[in-house]
Amino acid sequence: MEKQPRYKGLSNPERSEIAILLKRGCSKREIAQALGRSPNTISYEVKHNSTSGVYDPHKAKDKSRLSRRSRRFQWQKIEQHPKLQEFIIEKLRNDDWSPDSIAGYLKHEQVELPYVSTPQIYAWLYSSRGQPYCQYLLSKQYEPKPRNKNKTDYSMIPNRLGIEDRPAIVGSRERPGDWEADTIVSGHKTHSRAALVVAQERQTRLLGVQLIPNLKPATFSIATITLLEHKLTHTLSLDNGIENKYHQYITAATGATVYFCDPYSSYQKGGVENGNKMVRRYVPKGCDIGIFTQEQIDIFIAKINKKPRRCLGYKSALQLATEKGII
């Protein structure tokens, strides 16, 4: 039988993704689906590794490291209290008690012994000091039981097509009508859910931006359809954000086949990422996007689209998009 992989702690990119999705107003269950993790894992991470009620991925990493270090040596309490160790061994060997029964008794009965939790007792048993007593466990296990792979196949984005399936002509920019889309969110400290949907045509670099009140999938899909309607569209490349869940509605309305980048691979839609940087000149990072109106956003984007660009032979995106029949 193939050995199941053990549980792995959250990685730095996963913690960054949690922070982003929390900022977008996603629930913990939605975040769990996005990362392919258990909702309990996300709930525990946010609850125990937040600082002053705010989840910061860098601070969460430090708190998790300190917590692991603390847990790693908790079982040493048993080694430091011989009477406690004798009590545990006696109950395991002579009375057939489980570690949970021992921990519960220590917690609820008035005994002159320090309390140790069930995980602490198991940690001691699985250490080199406690190994001889594992034989008294009902399971007869001498090491932690590997966790089974989550039986539920979490799929945040149904009928997802990976970018590896995207036609090669899209990557070459040889034809007009291939788009990339992304979002720009309000600063975390503003507590605003207002955001921008940014779409850019790959060949001509034509930008379109729509102001939205939140990043719910329905809101995002409607905004994207608004940006692409009446324009030449073959494909649309997106990331794996939960706001892209209703991509099939976008395809039905615009005819664009939607492809999804690999996780944490924003460079695979680098055109719109560069477009975001140009938008940030007018919508600074950290600001509340809700203070802007769609009319103001349209003025900003018109300036960008009318600017001569070296990558376009010093034509503007608007001029080239008109020549190519995109608009």
C-alpha atoms as a PDB file:
ATOM      1  CA  MET A   1       0.000   0.000   0.000  1.00  0.00           C
ATOM      2  CA  GLU A   2       1.329   3.414  -0.930  1.00  0.00           C
ATOM      3  CA  LYS A   3       2.235   5.473   2.128  1.00  0.00           C
ATOM      4  CA  GLN A   4       0.159   8.609   2.501  1.00  0.00           C
ATOM      5  CA  PRO A   5       2.109  11.864   2.784  1.00  0.00           C
ATOM      6  CA  ARG A   6       2.071  13.524   6.186  1.00  0.00           C
ATOM      7  CA  TYR A   7       0.416  16.817   6.831  1.00  0.00           C
ATOM      8  CA  LYS A   8       2.537  19.787   5.859  1.00  0.00           C
ATOM      9  CA  GLY A   9       2.309  23.157   7.530  1.00  0.00           C
ATOM     10  CA  LEU A  10       1.187  26.207   5.625  1.00  0.00           C
ATOM     11  CA  SER A  11       3.830  27.654   3.325  1.00  0.00           C
ATOM     12  CA  ASN A  12       4.756  31.319   2.986  1.00  0.00           C
ATOM     13  CA  PRO A  13       2.869  31.694  -0.339  1.00  0.00           C
ATOM     14  CA  GLU A  14      -0.209  30.083   1.232  1.00  0.00           C
ATOM     15  CA  ARG A  15      -0.099  32.523   4.148  1.00  0.00           C
ATOM     16  CA  SER A  16       0.183  35.417   1.683  1.00  0.00           C
ATOM     17  CA  GLU A  17      -2.805  34.065  -0.241  1.00  0.00           C
ATOM     18  CA  ILE A  18      -4.815  33.780   2.997  1.00  0.00           C
ATOM     19  CA  ALA A  19      -4.099  37.447   3.774  1.00  0.00           C
ATOM     20  CA  ILE A  20      -5.147  38.509   0.258  1.00  0.00           C
ATOM     21  CA  LEU A  21      -8.374  36.497   0.315  1.00  0.00           C
ATOM     22  CA  LEU A  22      -9.269  37.728   3.806  1.00  0.00           C
ATOM     23  CA  LYS A  23      -8.798  41.270   2.549  1.00  0.00           C
ATOM     24  CA  ARG A  24     -11.174  40.485  -0.305  1.00  0.00           C
ATOM     25  CA  GLY A  25     -13.831  39.405   2.179  1.00  0.00           C
ATOM     26  CA  CYS A  26     -13.680  35.670   1.485  1.00  0.00           C
ATOM     27  CA  SER A  27     -14.893  33.262   4.139  1.00  0.00           C
ATOM     28  CA  LYS A  28     -12.539  30.737   5.719  1.00  0.00           C
ATOM     29  CA  ARG A  29     -14.302  27.918   3.886  1.00  0.00           C
ATOM     30  CA  GLU A  30     -13.832  29.686   0.549  1.00  0.00           C
ATOM     31  CA  ILE A  31     -10.149  30.231   1.353  1.00  0.00           C
ATOM     32  CA  ALA A  32      -9.803  26.550   2.231  1.00  0.00           C
ATOM     33  CA  GLN A  33     -11.288  25.621  -1.139  1.00  0.00           C
ATOM     34  CA  ALA A  34      -8.914  27.986  -2.923  1.00  0.00           C
ATOM     35  CA  LEU A  35      -5.845  26.461  -1.257  1.00  0.00           C
ATOM     36  CA  GLY A  36      -7.027  22.851  -1.206  1.00  0.00           C
ATOM     37  CA  ARG A  37      -6.842  22.827   2.589  1.00  0.00           C
ATOM     38  CA  SER A  38      -9.213  21.825   5.353  1.00  0.00           C
ATOM     39  CA  PRO A  39     -11.439  24.672   6.626  1.00  0.00           C
ATOM     40  CA  ASN A  40     -10.231  23.768  10.129  1.00  0.00           C
ATOM     41  CA  THR A  41      -6.645  24.448   9.080  1.00  0.00           C
ATOM     42  CA  ILE A  42      -7.525  27.921   7.813  1.00  0.00           C
ATOM     43  CA  SER A  43      -9.696  28.679  10.838  1.00  0.00           C
ATOM     44  CA  TYR A  44      -6.933  27.631  13.254  1.00  0.00           C
ATOM     45  CA  GLU A  45      -4.314  29.609  11.337  1.00  0.00           C
ATOM     46  CA  VAL A  46      -6.326  32.843  11.340  1.00  0.00           C
ATOM     47  CA  LYS A  47      -7.467  32.465  14.946  1.00  0.00           C
ATOM     48  CA  HIS A  48      -4.106  31.592  16.521  1.00  0.00           C
ATOM     49  CA  ASN A  49      -1.645  33.444  14.304  1.00  0.00           C
ATOM     50  CA  SER A  50      -3.384  36.806  13.908  1.00  0.00           C
ATOM     51  CA  THR A  51      -1.991  39.829  15.742  1.00  0.00           C
ATOM     52  CA  SER A  52      -4.436  42.254  17.395  1.00  0.00           C
ATOM     53  CA  GLY A  53      -7.232  40.807  15.291  1.00  0.00           C
ATOM     54  CA  VAL A  54      -5.369  41.365  11.994  1.00  0.00           C
ATOM     55  CA  TYR A  55      -3.867  38.543   9.953  1.00  0.00           C
ATOM     56  CA  ASP A  56      -0.417  39.494   8.684  1.00  0.00           C
ATOM     57  CA  PRO A  57       1.373  36.653   6.806  1.00  0.00           C
ATOM     58  CA  HIS A  58       4.843  37.612   8.050  1.00  0.00           C
ATOM     59  CA  LYS A  59       3.802  37.909  11.694  1.00  0.00           C
ATOM     60  CA  ALA A  60       1.738  34.727  11.352  1.00  0.00           C
ATOM     61  CA  LYS A  61       4.818  32.846  10.191  1.00  0.00           C
ATOM     62  CA  ASP A  62       6.806  34.038  13.235  1.00  0.00           C
ATOM     63  CA  LYS A  63       3.996  33.146  15.645  1.00  0.00           C
ATOM     64  CA  SER A  64       3.641  29.704  14.099  1.00  0.00           C
ATOM     65  CA  ARG A  65       7.379  29.072  14.401  1.00  0.00           C
ATOM     66  CA  LEU A  66       7.386  30.037  18.078  1.00  0.00           C
ATOM     67  CA  SER A  67       4.326  27.899  18.705  1.00  0.00           C
ATOM     68  CA  ARG A  68       5.923  24.866  17.052  1.00  0.00           C
ATOM     69  CA  ARG A  69       9.087  25.341  19.036  1.00  0.00           C
ATOM     70  CA  SER A  70       7.067  25.527  22.234  1.00  0.00           C
ATOM     71  CA  ARG A  71       5.053  22.400  21.407  1.00  0.00           C
ATOM     72  CA  ARG A  72       8.192  20.528  20.415  1.00  0.00           C
ATOM     73  CA  PHE A  73       9.516  20.635  23.964  1.00  0.00           C
ATOM     74  CA  GLN A  74       6.274  20.484  25.950  1.00  0.00           C
ATOM     75  CA  TRP A  75       6.675  16.751  26.472  1.00  0.00           C
ATOM     76  CA  GLN A  76       9.857  17.457  28.486  1.00  0.00           C
ATOM     77  CA  LYS A  77       7.596  18.358  31.423  1.00  0.00           C
ATOM     78  CA  ILE A  78       7.087  14.605  31.848  1.00  0.00           C
ATOM     79  CA  GLU A  79      10.848  14.066  32.015  1.00  0.00           C
ATOM     80  CA  GLN A  80      11.232  16.892  34.524  1.00  0.00           C
ATOM     81  CA  HIS A  81       8.631  15.418  36.948  1.00  0.00           C
ATOM     82  CA  PRO A  82       9.518  11.811  37.852  1.00  0.00           C
ATOM     83  CA  LYS A  83       6.279  11.287  39.815  1.00  0.00           C
ATOM     84  CA  LEU A  84       4.246  12.405  36.807  1.00  0.00           C
ATOM     85  CA  GLN A  85       6.209  10.044  34.576  1.00  0.00           C
ATOM     86  CA  GLU A  86       5.666   7.155  36.989  1.00  0.00           C
ATOM     87  CA  PHE A  87       1.936   7.889  37.098  1.00  0.00           C
ATOM     88  CA  ILE A  88       1.642   7.879  33.299  1.00  0.00           C
ATOM     89  CA  ILE A  89       3.604   4.633  32.941  1.00  0.00           C
ATOM     90  CA  GLU A  90       1.563   2.923  35.642  1.00  0.00           C
ATOM     91  CA  LYS A  91      -1.754   3.877  34.083  1.00  0.00           C
ATOM     92  CA  LEU A  92      -0.614   2.808  30.637  1.00  0.00           C
ATOM     93  CA  ARG A  93       0.926  -0.488  31.731  1.00  0.00           C
ATOM     94  CA  ASN A  94      -1.249  -1.665  34.606  1.00  0.00           C
ATOM     95  CA  ASP A  95      -4.646  -0.024  34.104  1.00  0.00           C
ATOM     96  CA  ASP A  96      -4.765   0.090  30.272  1.00  0.00           C
ATOM     97  CA  TRP A  97      -5.590   3.796  30.303  1.00  0.00           C
ATOM     98  CA  SER A  98      -5.267   5.790  27.089  1.00  0.00           C
ATOM     99  CA  PRO A  99      -3.278   9.067  26.986  1.00  0.00           C
ATOM    100  CA  ASP A 100      -6.587  10.899  26.703  1.00  0.00           C
ATOM    101  CA  SER A 101      -7.879   9.216  29.892  1.00  0.00           C
ATOM    102  CA  ILE A 102      -4.683  10.140  31.718  1.00  0.00           C
ATOM    103  CA  ALA A 103      -4.830  13.769  30.593  1.00  0.00           C
ATOM    104  CA  GLY A 104      -8.512  14.041  31.493  1.00  0.00           C
ATOM    105  CA  TYR A 105      -7.917  12.604  34.950  1.00  0.00           C
ATOM    106  CA  LEU A 106      -5.029  14.995  35.613  1.00  0.00           C
ATOM    107  CA  LYS A 107      -7.174  17.936  34.527  1.00  0.00           C
ATOM    108  CA  HIS A 108     -10.376  17.176  36.401  1.00  0.00           C
ATOM    109  CA  GLU A 109      -9.259  15.342  39.531  1.00  0.00           C
ATOM    110  CA  GLN A 110      -7.496  16.933  42.483  1.00  0.00           C
ATOM    111  CA  VAL A 111      -4.083  15.309  42.226  1.00  0.00           C
ATOM    112  CA  GLU A 112      -0.731  16.749  43.254  1.00  0.00           C
ATOM    113  CA  LEU A 113       0.716  16.315  39.809  1.00  0.00           C
ATOM    114  CA  PRO A 114       1.234  18.840  36.996  1.00  0.00           C
ATOM    115  CA  TYR A 115      -1.199  18.706  34.110  1.00  0.00           C
ATOM    116  CA  VAL A 116      -0.108  17.494  30.669  1.00  0.00           C
ATOM    117  CA  SER A 117      -2.390  17.344  27.651  1.00  0.00           C
ATOM    118  CA  THR A 118      -3.111  14.341  25.451  1.00  0.00           C
ATOM    119  CA  PRO A 119      -0.829  15.617  22.635  1.00  0.00           C
ATOM    120  CA  GLN A 120       1.971  16.141  25.173  1.00  0.00           C
ATOM    121  CA  ILE A 121       1.709  12.548  26.368  1.00  0.00           C
ATOM    122  CA  TYR A 122       1.727  11.229  22.804  1.00  0.00           C
ATOM    123  CA  ALA A 123       4.704  13.462  21.972  1.00  0.00           C
ATOM    124  CA  TRP A 124       6.588  11.999  24.934  1.00  0.00           C
ATOM    125  CA  LEU A 125       5.665   8.444  23.950  1.00  0.00           C
ATOM    126  CA  TYR A 126       6.829   8.984  20.389  1.00  0.00           C
ATOM    127  CA  SER A 127      10.116  10.496  21.593  1.00  0.00           C
ATOM    128  CA  SER A 128      13.173   8.339  22.304  1.00  0.00           C
ATOM    129  CA  ARG A 129      12.411   8.526  26.060  1.00  0.00           C
ATOM    130  CA  GLY A 130       8.866   7.227  25.777  1.00  0.00           C
ATOM    131  CA  GLN A 131       9.261   4.637  23.023  1.00  0.00           C
ATOM    132  CA  PRO A 132       9.466   1.627  25.426  1.00  0.00           C
ATOM    133  CA  TYR A 133       5.934   2.409  26.626  1.00  0.00           C
ATOM    134  CA  CYS A 134       4.257   2.628  23.239  1.00  0.00           C
ATOM    135  CA  GLN A 135       3.652  -1.115  23.505  1.00  0.00           C
ATOM    136  CA  TYR A 136       0.954  -0.362  26.086  1.00  0.00           C
ATOM    137  CA  LEU A 137      -1.049   1.761  23.684  1.00  0.00           C
ATOM    138  CA  LEU A 138      -4.152   0.105  22.278  1.00  0.00           C
ATOM    139  CA  SER A 139      -2.927   0.933  18.748  1.00  0.00           C
ATOM    140  CA  LYS A 140       0.611  -0.375  19.479  1.00  0.00           C
ATOM    141  CA  GLN A 141       1.909   2.547  17.400  1.00  0.00           C
ATOM    142  CA  TYR A 142       5.474   3.739  17.847  1.00  0.00           C
ATOM    143  CA  GLU A 143       5.170   6.907  15.765  1.00  0.00           C
ATOM    144  CA  PRO A 144       2.457   9.418  14.871  1.00  0.00           C
ATOM    145  CA  LYS A 145      -0.172   8.060  12.525  1.00  0.00           C
ATOM    146  CA  PRO A 146       0.128   9.672   9.093  1.00  0.00           C
ATOM    147  CA  ARG A 147      -2.896  11.730   8.256  1.00  0.00           C
ATOM    148  CA  ASN A 148      -4.910  10.509   5.334  1.00  0.00           C
ATOM    149  CA  LYS A 149      -5.069  12.745   2.346  1.00  0.00           C
ATOM    150  CA  ASN A 150      -8.180  14.868   2.465  1.00  0.00           C
ATOM    151  CA  LYS A 151     -10.880  12.750   0.880  1.00  0.00           C
ATOM    152  CA  THR A 152     -12.729  15.775  -0.394  1.00  0.00           C
ATOM    153  CA  ASP A 153     -11.413  17.074  -3.675  1.00  0.00           C
ATOM    154  CA  TYR A 154     -11.691  20.790  -3.039  1.00  0.00           C
ATOM    155  CA  SER A 155     -12.252  22.549  -6.334  1.00  0.00           C
ATOM    156  CA  MET A 156     -12.900  26.241  -6.032  1.00  0.00           C
ATOM    157  CA  ILE A 157     -13.080  26.742  -9.796  1.00  0.00           C
ATOM    158  CA  PRO A 158     -15.297  24.201 -11.595  1.00  0.00           C
ATOM    159  CA  ASN A 159     -14.342  23.082 -15.103  1.00  0.00           C
ATOM    160  CA  ARG A 160     -11.028  24.890 -14.820  1.00  0.00           C
ATOM    161  CA  LEU A 161      -8.721  24.894 -17.866  1.00  0.00           C
ATOM    162  CA  GLY A 162      -5.037  25.258 -17.020  1.00  0.00           C
ATOM    163  CA  ILE A 163      -2.773  27.629 -18.888  1.00  0.00           C
ATOM    164  CA  GLU A 164      -0.921  24.616 -20.287  1.00  0.00           C
ATOM    165  CA  ASP A 165      -4.007  24.027 -22.459  1.00  0.00           C
ATOM    166  CA  ARG A 166      -3.971  27.564 -23.855  1.00  0.00           C
ATOM    167  CA  PRO A 167      -3.103  27.772 -27.600  1.00  0.00           C
ATOM    168  CA  ALA A 168       0.530  28.640 -28.300  1.00  0.00           C
ATOM    169  CA  ILE A 169      -0.534  31.580 -30.470  1.00  0.00           C
ATOM    170  CA  VAL A 170      -1.729  33.373 -27.348  1.00  0.00           C
ATOM    171  CA  GLY A 171       1.749  33.357 -25.853  1.00  0.00           C
ATOM    172  CA  SER A 172       3.282  34.674 -29.067  1.00  0.00           C
ATOM    173  CA  ARG A 173       0.958  37.724 -29.211  1.00  0.00           C
ATOM    174  CA  GLU A 174       0.537  37.082 -32.946  1.00  0.00           C
ATOM    175  CA  ARG A 175      -3.198  37.666 -33.003  1.00  0.00           C
ATOM    176  CA  PRO A 176      -5.478  40.274 -31.436  1.00  0.00           C
ATOM    177  CA  GLY A 177      -8.276  39.358 -29.085  1.00  0.00           C
ATOM    178  CA  ASP A 178      -6.456  37.502 -26.311  1.00  0.00           C
ATOM    179  CA  TRP A 179      -6.999  39.098 -22.905  1.00  0.00           C
ATOM    180  CA  GLU A 180      -5.663  38.910 -19.384  1.00  0.00           C
ATOM    181  CA  ALA A 181      -7.522  40.096 -16.296  1.00  0.00           C
ATOM    182  CA  ASP A 182      -6.636  40.789 -12.692  1.00  0.00           C
ATOM    183  CA  THR A 183      -7.830  42.810  -9.706  1.00  0.00           C
ATOM    184  CA  ILE A 184      -6.497  45.716  -7.663  1.00  0.00           C
ATOM    185  CA  VAL A 185      -7.774  45.859  -4.093  1.00  0.00           C
ATOM    186  CA  SER A 186      -8.044  48.595  -1.483  1.00  0.00           C
ATOM    187  CA  GLY A 187      -5.414  48.958   1.204  1.00  0.00           C
ATOM    188  CA  HIS A 188      -5.809  46.600   4.139  1.00  0.00           C
ATOM    189  CA  LYS A 189      -5.932  49.382   6.720  1.00  0.00           C
ATOM    190  CA  THR A 190      -8.856  51.055   4.973  1.00  0.00           C
ATOM    191  CA  HIS A 191     -11.134  48.044   5.625  1.00  0.00           C
ATOM    192  CA  SER A 192     -12.695  48.766   2.237  1.00  0.00           C
ATOM    193  CA  ARG A 193     -13.810  45.997  -0.099  1.00  0.00           C
ATOM    194  CA  ALA A 194     -13.920  48.224  -3.164  1.00  0.00           C
ATOM    195  CA  ALA A 195     -11.665  47.002  -5.948  1.00  0.00           C
ATOM    196  CA  LEU A 196     -10.828  47.359  -9.621  1.00  0.00           C
ATOM    197  CA  VAL A 197     -11.150  44.739 -12.320  1.00  0.00           C
ATOM    198  CA  VAL A 198      -8.349  45.287 -14.822  1.00  0.00           C
ATOM    199  CA  ALA A 199      -8.386  43.685 -18.278  1.00  0.00           C
ATOM    200  CA  GLN A 200      -5.645  44.065 -20.893  1.00  0.00           C
ATOM    201  CA  GLU A 201      -5.490  42.839 -24.466  1.00  0.00           C
ATOM    202  CA  ARG A 202      -2.179  41.053 -24.997  1.00  0.00           C
ATOM    203  CA  GLN A 203      -1.189  42.279 -28.470  1.00  0.00           C
ATOM    204  CA  THR A 204      -2.203  45.946 -28.305  1.00  0.00           C
ATOM    205  CA  ARG A 205      -1.955  46.449 -24.504  1.00  0.00           C
ATOM    206  CA  LEU A 206      -5.405  48.065 -24.521  1.00  0.00           C
ATOM    207  CA  LEU A 207      -6.564  48.507 -20.918  1.00  0.00           C
ATOM    208  CA  GLY A 208     -10.071  48.408 -19.500  1.00  0.00           C
ATOM    209  CA  VAL A 209     -10.844  48.973 -15.818  1.00  0.00           C
ATOM    210  CA  GLN A 210     -14.120  48.598 -13.944  1.00  0.00           C
ATOM    211  CA  LEU A 211     -14.782  49.768 -10.379  1.00  0.00           C
ATOM    212  CA  ILE A 212     -16.584  47.169  -8.232  1.00  0.00           C
ATOM    213  CA  PRO A 213     -17.875  47.287  -4.625  1.00  0.00           C
ATOM    214  CA  ASN A 214     -16.531  43.840  -3.691  1.00  0.00           C
ATOM    215  CA  LEU A 215     -14.799  40.781  -5.090  1.00  0.00           C
ATOM    216  CA  LYS A 216     -17.689  38.355  -4.986  1.00  0.00           C
ATOM    217  CA  PRO A 217     -17.666  35.990  -7.987  1.00  0.00           C
ATOM    218  CA  ALA A 218     -20.910  37.380  -9.413  1.00  0.00           C
ATOM    219  CA  THR A 219     -19.675  40.962  -9.133  1.00  0.00           C
ATOM    220  CA  PHE A 220     -16.358  40.127 -10.781  1.00  0.00           C
ATOM    221  CA  SER A 221     -17.903  38.180 -13.656  1.00  0.00           C
ATOM    222  CA  ILE A 222     -20.408  40.953 -14.461  1.00  0.00           C
ATOM    223  CA  ALA A 223     -17.631  43.567 -14.433  1.00  0.00           C
ATOM    224  CA  THR A 224     -15.432  41.435 -16.695  1.00  0.00           C
ATOM    225  CA  ILE A 225     -18.280  40.880 -19.135  1.00  0.00           C
ATOM    226  CA  THR A 226     -18.859  44.651 -19.196  1.00  0.00           C
ATOM    227  CA  LEU A 227     -15.189  45.250 -20.023  1.00  0.00           C
ATOM    228  CA  LEU A 228     -15.069  42.660 -22.822  1.00  0.00           C
ATOM    229  CA  GLU A 229     -18.456  43.066 -24.471  1.00  0.00           C
ATOM    230  CA  HIS A 230     -18.413  44.521 -27.996  1.00  0.00           C
ATOM    231  CA  LYS A 231     -14.677  43.770 -28.224  1.00  0.00           C
ATOM    232  CA  LEU A 232     -12.807  41.082 -30.147  1.00  0.00           C
ATOM    233  CA  THR A 233     -12.206  38.226 -27.709  1.00  0.00           C
ATOM    234  CA  HIS A 234     -10.685  34.780 -28.209  1.00  0.00           C
ATOM    235  CA  THR A 235      -9.273  33.916 -24.796  1.00  0.00           C
ATOM    236  CA  LEU A 236      -9.057  35.292 -21.278  1.00  0.00           C
ATOM    237  CA  SER A 237      -6.288  34.381 -18.806  1.00  0.00           C
ATOM    238  CA  LEU A 238      -6.985  34.616 -15.075  1.00  0.00           C
ATOM    239  CA  ASP A 239      -5.383  33.666 -11.774  1.00  0.00           C
ATOM    240  CA  ASN A 240      -6.951  31.271  -9.276  1.00  0.00           C
ATOM    241  CA  GLY A 241      -8.724  33.821  -7.091  1.00  0.00           C
ATOM    242  CA  ILE A 242     -12.136  32.853  -5.798  1.00  0.00           C
ATOM    243  CA  GLU A 243     -13.657  35.805  -7.663  1.00  0.00           C
ATOM    244  CA  ASN A 244     -13.067  33.846 -10.889  1.00  0.00           C
ATOM    245  CA  LYS A 245     -15.422  31.040  -9.880  1.00  0.00           C
ATOM    246  CA  TYR A 246     -18.119  31.998 -12.391  1.00  0.00           C
ATOM    247  CA  HIS A 247     -15.817  32.043 -15.407  1.00  0.00           C
ATOM    248  CA  GLN A 248     -18.303  30.016 -17.442  1.00  0.00           C
ATOM    249  CA  TYR A 249     -20.706  32.958 -17.425  1.00  0.00           C
ATOM    250  CA  ILE A 250     -17.926  35.115 -18.876  1.00  0.00           C
ATOM    251  CA  THR A 251     -17.386  32.582 -21.656  1.00  0.00           C
ATOM    252  CA  ALA A 252     -21.107  32.374 -22.396  1.00  0.00           C
ATOM    253  CA  ALA A 253     -21.438  36.172 -22.619  1.00  0.00           C
ATOM    254  CA  THR A 254     -18.227  37.030 -24.485  1.00  0.00           C
ATOM    255  CA  GLY A 255     -17.185  33.864 -26.299  1.00  0.00           C
ATOM    256  CA  ALA A 256     -13.760  33.982 -24.637  1.00  0.00           C
ATOM    257  CA  THR A 257     -12.330  30.657 -23.509  1.00  0.00           C
ATOM    258  CA  VAL A 258     -10.947  31.157 -20.010  1.00  0.00           C
ATOM    259  CA  TYR A 259      -7.588  29.701 -18.943  1.00  0.00           C
ATOM    260  CA  PHE A 260      -6.080  29.751 -15.453  1.00  0.00           C
ATOM    261  CA  CYS A 261      -2.472  30.358 -14.490  1.00  0.00           C
ATOM    262  CA  ASP A 262      -0.603  28.000 -12.213  1.00  0.00           C
ATOM    263  CA  PRO A 263      -0.895  28.858  -8.496  1.00  0.00           C
ATOM    264  CA  TYR A 264       1.405  31.686  -7.389  1.00  0.00           C
ATOM    265  CA  SER A 265       2.556  32.262 -10.999  1.00  0.00           C
ATOM    266  CA  SER A 266       1.410  35.789 -11.772  1.00  0.00           C
ATOM    267  CA  TYR A 267       4.233  36.112 -14.308  1.00  0.00           C
ATOM    268  CA  GLN A 268       2.147  33.925 -16.631  1.00  0.00           C
ATOM    269  CA  LYS A 269      -0.103  36.940 -17.173  1.00  0.00           C
ATOM    270  CA  GLY A 270       2.622  39.539 -16.918  1.00  0.00           C
ATOM    271  CA  GLY A 271       0.945  41.938 -19.344  1.00  0.00           C
ATOM    272  CA  VAL A 272      -1.933  42.813 -17.045  1.00  0.00           C
ATOM    273  CA  GLU A 273       0.432  42.858 -14.062  1.00  0.00           C
ATOM    274  CA  ASN A 274       2.349  45.617 -15.853  1.00  0.00           C
ATOM    275  CA  GLY A 275      -0.965  47.314 -16.605  1.00  0.00           C
ATOM    276  CA  ASN A 276      -1.713  47.272 -12.871  1.00  0.00           C
ATOM    277  CA  LYS A 277       1.485  49.215 -12.250  1.00  0.00           C
ATOM    278  CA  MET A 278       0.380  51.942 -14.656  1.00  0.00           C
ATOM    279  CA  VAL A 279      -3.033  52.125 -12.965  1.00  0.00           C
ATOM    280  CA  ARG A 280      -1.286  52.451  -9.604  1.00  0.00           C
ATOM    281  CA  ARG A 281       0.104  55.800 -10.739  1.00  0.00           C
ATOM    282  CA  TYR A 282      -3.416  57.174 -10.358  1.00  0.00           C
ATOM    283  CA  VAL A 283      -4.741  54.776  -7.706  1.00  0.00           C
ATOM    284  CA  PRO A 284      -1.947  54.544  -5.110  1.00  0.00           C
ATOM    285  CA  LYS A 285      -1.278  51.319  -3.275  1.00  0.00           C
ATOM    286  CA  GLY A 286      -2.858  51.267   0.164  1.00  0.00           C
ATOM    287  CA  CYS A 287      -5.646  53.688  -0.650  1.00  0.00           C
ATOM    288  CA  ASP A 288      -9.389  53.135  -0.388  1.00  0.00           C
ATOM    289  CA  ILE A 289     -10.474  52.508  -3.968  1.00  0.00           C
ATOM    290  CA  GLY A 290     -14.036  53.343  -2.959  1.00  0.00           C
ATOM    291  CA  ILE A 291     -13.170  57.065  -2.921  1.00  0.00           C
ATOM    292  CA  PHE A 292     -12.950  57.033  -6.733  1.00  0.00           C
ATOM    293  CA  THR A 293     -15.834  57.089  -9.186  1.00  0.00           C
ATOM    294  CA  GLN A 294     -16.048  55.156 -12.433  1.00  0.00           C
ATOM    295  CA  GLU A 295     -15.859  58.474 -14.308  1.00  0.00           C
ATOM    296  CA  GLN A 296     -12.525  59.271 -12.644  1.00  0.00           C
ATOM    297  CA  ILE A 297     -11.214  55.777 -13.407  1.00  0.00           C
ATOM    298  CA  ASP A 298     -12.236  56.171 -17.065  1.00  0.00           C
ATOM    299  CA  ILE A 299     -10.221  59.417 -17.290  1.00  0.00           C
ATOM    300  CA  PHE A 300      -7.128  57.707 -15.877  1.00  0.00           C
ATOM    301  CA  ILE A 301      -7.409  54.757 -18.271  1.00  0.00           C
ATOM    302  CA  ALA A 302      -7.971  57.022 -21.277  1.00  0.00           C
ATOM    303  CA  LYS A 303      -4.650  58.710 -20.526  1.00  0.00           C
ATOM    304  CA  ILE A 304      -2.884  55.334 -20.412  1.00  0.00           C
ATOM    305  CA  ASN A 305      -4.523  54.068 -23.617  1.00  0.00           C
ATOM    306  CA  LYS A 306      -3.690  57.259 -25.540  1.00  0.00           C
ATOM    307  CA  LYS A 307      -0.019  57.311 -24.535  1.00  0.00           C
ATOM    308  CA  PRO A 308       2.549  56.364 -27.247  1.00  0.00           C
ATOM    309  CA  ARG A 309       4.485  53.281 -26.152  1.00  0.00           C
ATOM    310  CA  ARG A 310       7.804  51.960 -27.305  1.00  0.00           C
ATOM    311  CA  CYS A 311       6.652  48.324 -27.263  1.00  0.00           C
ATOM    312  CA  LEU A 312       3.950  49.331 -29.777  1.00  0.00           C
ATOM    313  CA  GLY A 313       6.299  51.214 -32.102  1.00  0.00           C
ATOM    314  CA  TYR A 314       5.294  54.439 -30.358  1.00  0.00           C
ATOM    315  CA  LYS A 315       1.683  53.989 -31.284  1.00  0.00           C
ATOM    316  CA  SER A 316      -0.908  54.196 -28.539  1.00  0.00           C
ATOM    317  CA  ALA A 317      -2.854  51.154 -27.357  1.00  0.00           C
ATOM    318  CA  LEU A 318      -6.076  52.828 -28.448  1.00  0.00           C
ATOM    319  CA  GLN A 319      -4.723  53.549 -31.922  1.00  0.00           C
ATOM    320  CA  LEU A 320      -3.432  49.994 -32.409  1.00  0.00           C
ATOM    321  CA  ALA A 321      -6.585  48.396 -31.002  1.00  0.00           C
ATOM    322  CA  THR A 322      -8.655  50.407 -33.493  1.00  0.00           C
ATOM    323  CA  GLU A 323      -6.418  49.291 -36.378  1.00  0.00           C
ATOM    324  CA  LYS A 324      -6.675  45.636 -35.307  1.00  0.00           C
ATOM    325  CA  GLY A 325     -10.462  45.753 -35.004  1.00  0.00           C
ATOM    326  CA  ILE A 326     -10.532  44.991 -31.296  1.00  0.00           C
ATOM    327  CA  ILE A 327     -12.914  47.859 -30.590  1.00  0.00           C
END
